[in-house]
Every structure is written in structure tokens, then in C-alpha cells.
Amino acid sequence: MKKILTAAVSAMMFLFVAGGAATAQEEETDEMQVVPVETWACNYRDGKGPGDLSSDIDAWKEWMDSN
């Protein structure tokens, strides 16, 4: 009986310790999470648009692949 009781108490202690360690990293805050983002923006000249930029991007990709 003593072995069963010792085993049961040991198992319960292990579960309490393991459960505490598993939730130790959780943080409950009301703060908003900030995620950094890199943004590139440009203004087109009069008469130019995304199609004009697309052809330059294709040429740049070809150059990058060859170098």
C-alpha cells in the first residue's frame, strides 16, 4: 500500500511541476503585438505606371540570376 501511495503522490507532484513549466511562457496581456514590416513605396512620373516598373523588375531579376 505504501508503494502505491508513494507512486501516486510522486506522479501528482510530477504533473503539477510539469504543468507549471509548460505554461510558464504564456503571457496574458491586453497589449497589441507589434510585427515589423519593411515597405517600399514610390511615385510614378506622369504617364508611367506599374506596367513600366514590371519590365524593369524582369530585367533586374535576369541580371540577379546571372550574377
C-alpha atoms as a PDB file:
ATOM      1  CA  MET A   1       0.000   0.000   0.000  1.00  0.00           C
ATOM      2  CA  LYS A   2       2.850   2.331   0.861  1.00  0.00           C
ATOM      3  CA  LYS A   3       4.427   1.812  -2.602  1.00  0.00           C
ATOM      4  CA  ILE A   4       1.138   2.654  -4.356  1.00  0.00           C
ATOM      5  CA  LEU A   5       0.661   5.786  -2.255  1.00  0.00           C
ATOM      6  CA  THR A   6       4.275   6.872  -2.888  1.00  0.00           C
ATOM      7  CA  ALA A   7       3.869   6.288  -6.617  1.00  0.00           C
ATOM      8  CA  ALA A   8       0.585   8.225  -6.716  1.00  0.00           C
ATOM      9  CA  VAL A   9       1.981  11.188  -4.779  1.00  0.00           C
ATOM     10  CA  SER A  10       5.120  11.215  -6.937  1.00  0.00           C
ATOM     11  CA  ALA A  11       3.023  11.180 -10.122  1.00  0.00           C
ATOM     12  CA  MET A  12       0.833  14.048  -8.879  1.00  0.00           C
ATOM     13  CA  MET A  13       3.882  16.109  -7.926  1.00  0.00           C
ATOM     14  CA  PHE A  14       5.417  15.472 -11.355  1.00  0.00           C
ATOM     15  CA  LEU A  15       2.218  16.570 -13.110  1.00  0.00           C
ATOM     16  CA  PHE A  16       1.992  19.777 -11.100  1.00  0.00           C
ATOM     17  CA  VAL A  17       5.625  20.669 -11.775  1.00  0.00           C
ATOM     18  CA  ALA A  18       5.436  19.741 -15.475  1.00  0.00           C
ATOM     19  CA  GLY A  19       2.173  21.647 -15.890  1.00  0.00           C
ATOM     20  CA  GLY A  20       3.695  24.763 -14.388  1.00  0.00           C
ATOM     21  CA  ALA A  21       6.724  24.550 -16.651  1.00  0.00           C
ATOM     22  CA  ALA A  22       4.558  24.063 -19.730  1.00  0.00           C
ATOM     23  CA  THR A  23       2.578  27.247 -19.069  1.00  0.00           C
ATOM     24  CA  ALA A  24       5.480  29.358 -17.807  1.00  0.00           C
ATOM     25  CA  GLN A  25       5.978  31.114 -21.151  1.00  0.00           C
ATOM     26  CA  GLU A  26       2.379  32.149 -21.689  1.00  0.00           C
ATOM     27  CA  GLU A  27       1.744  35.832 -21.164  1.00  0.00           C
ATOM     28  CA  GLU A  28      -1.729  37.214 -20.883  1.00  0.00           C
ATOM     29  CA  THR A  29      -1.591  40.883 -21.759  1.00  0.00           C
ATOM     30  CA  ASP A  30      -4.006  43.315 -23.287  1.00  0.00           C
ATOM     31  CA  GLU A  31      -1.222  44.955 -25.281  1.00  0.00           C
ATOM     32  CA  MET A  32      -1.258  44.792 -29.050  1.00  0.00           C
ATOM     33  CA  GLN A  33       1.520  42.680 -30.583  1.00  0.00           C
ATOM     34  CA  VAL A  34       3.814  44.670 -32.872  1.00  0.00           C
ATOM     35  CA  VAL A  35       5.172  42.971 -36.004  1.00  0.00           C
ATOM     36  CA  PRO A  36       7.834  44.835 -38.012  1.00  0.00           C
ATOM     37  CA  VAL A  37       7.201  45.211 -41.747  1.00  0.00           C
ATOM     38  CA  GLU A  38       9.501  46.576 -44.437  1.00  0.00           C
ATOM     39  CA  THR A  39       7.679  48.723 -47.010  1.00  0.00           C
ATOM     40  CA  TRP A  40       8.928  50.259 -50.233  1.00  0.00           C
ATOM     41  CA  ALA A  41       6.872  52.960 -51.940  1.00  0.00           C
ATOM     42  CA  CYS A  42       7.364  55.151 -54.994  1.00  0.00           C
ATOM     43  CA  ASN A  43       5.655  57.842 -57.033  1.00  0.00           C
ATOM     44  CA  TYR A  44       5.324  57.297 -60.778  1.00  0.00           C
ATOM     45  CA  ARG A  45       6.146  60.024 -63.256  1.00  0.00           C
ATOM     46  CA  ASP A  46       3.297  61.372 -65.366  1.00  0.00           C
ATOM     47  CA  GLY A  47       2.262  58.777 -67.930  1.00  0.00           C
ATOM     48  CA  LYS A  48       4.062  55.916 -66.143  1.00  0.00           C
ATOM     49  CA  GLY A  49       2.559  53.112 -64.055  1.00  0.00           C
ATOM     50  CA  PRO A  50       3.052  49.621 -62.617  1.00  0.00           C
ATOM     51  CA  GLY A  51       3.453  48.105 -66.092  1.00  0.00           C
ATOM     52  CA  ASP A  52       6.536  50.229 -66.709  1.00  0.00           C
ATOM     53  CA  LEU A  53       8.046  49.141 -63.422  1.00  0.00           C
ATOM     54  CA  SER A  54       7.268  45.481 -64.157  1.00  0.00           C
ATOM     55  CA  SER A  55       9.523  45.410 -67.214  1.00  0.00           C
ATOM     56  CA  ASP A  56      12.390  46.871 -65.183  1.00  0.00           C
ATOM     57  CA  ILE A  57      11.823  44.289 -62.448  1.00  0.00           C
ATOM     58  CA  ASP A  58      12.038  41.476 -65.015  1.00  0.00           C
ATOM     59  CA  ALA A  59      15.348  42.874 -66.325  1.00  0.00           C
ATOM     60  CA  TRP A  60      16.662  43.186 -62.781  1.00  0.00           C
ATOM     61  CA  LYS A  61      15.687  39.560 -61.987  1.00  0.00           C
ATOM     62  CA  GLU A  62      17.539  38.338 -65.080  1.00  0.00           C
ATOM     63  CA  TRP A  63      20.615  40.286 -64.023  1.00  0.00           C
ATOM     64  CA  MET A  64      20.402  38.887 -60.457  1.00  0.00           C
ATOM     65  CA  ASP A  65      20.126  35.315 -61.779  1.00  0.00           C
ATOM     66  CA  SER A  66      23.212  35.736 -63.956  1.00  0.00           C
ATOM     67  CA  ASN A  67      25.328  37.229 -61.163  1.00  0.00           C
END
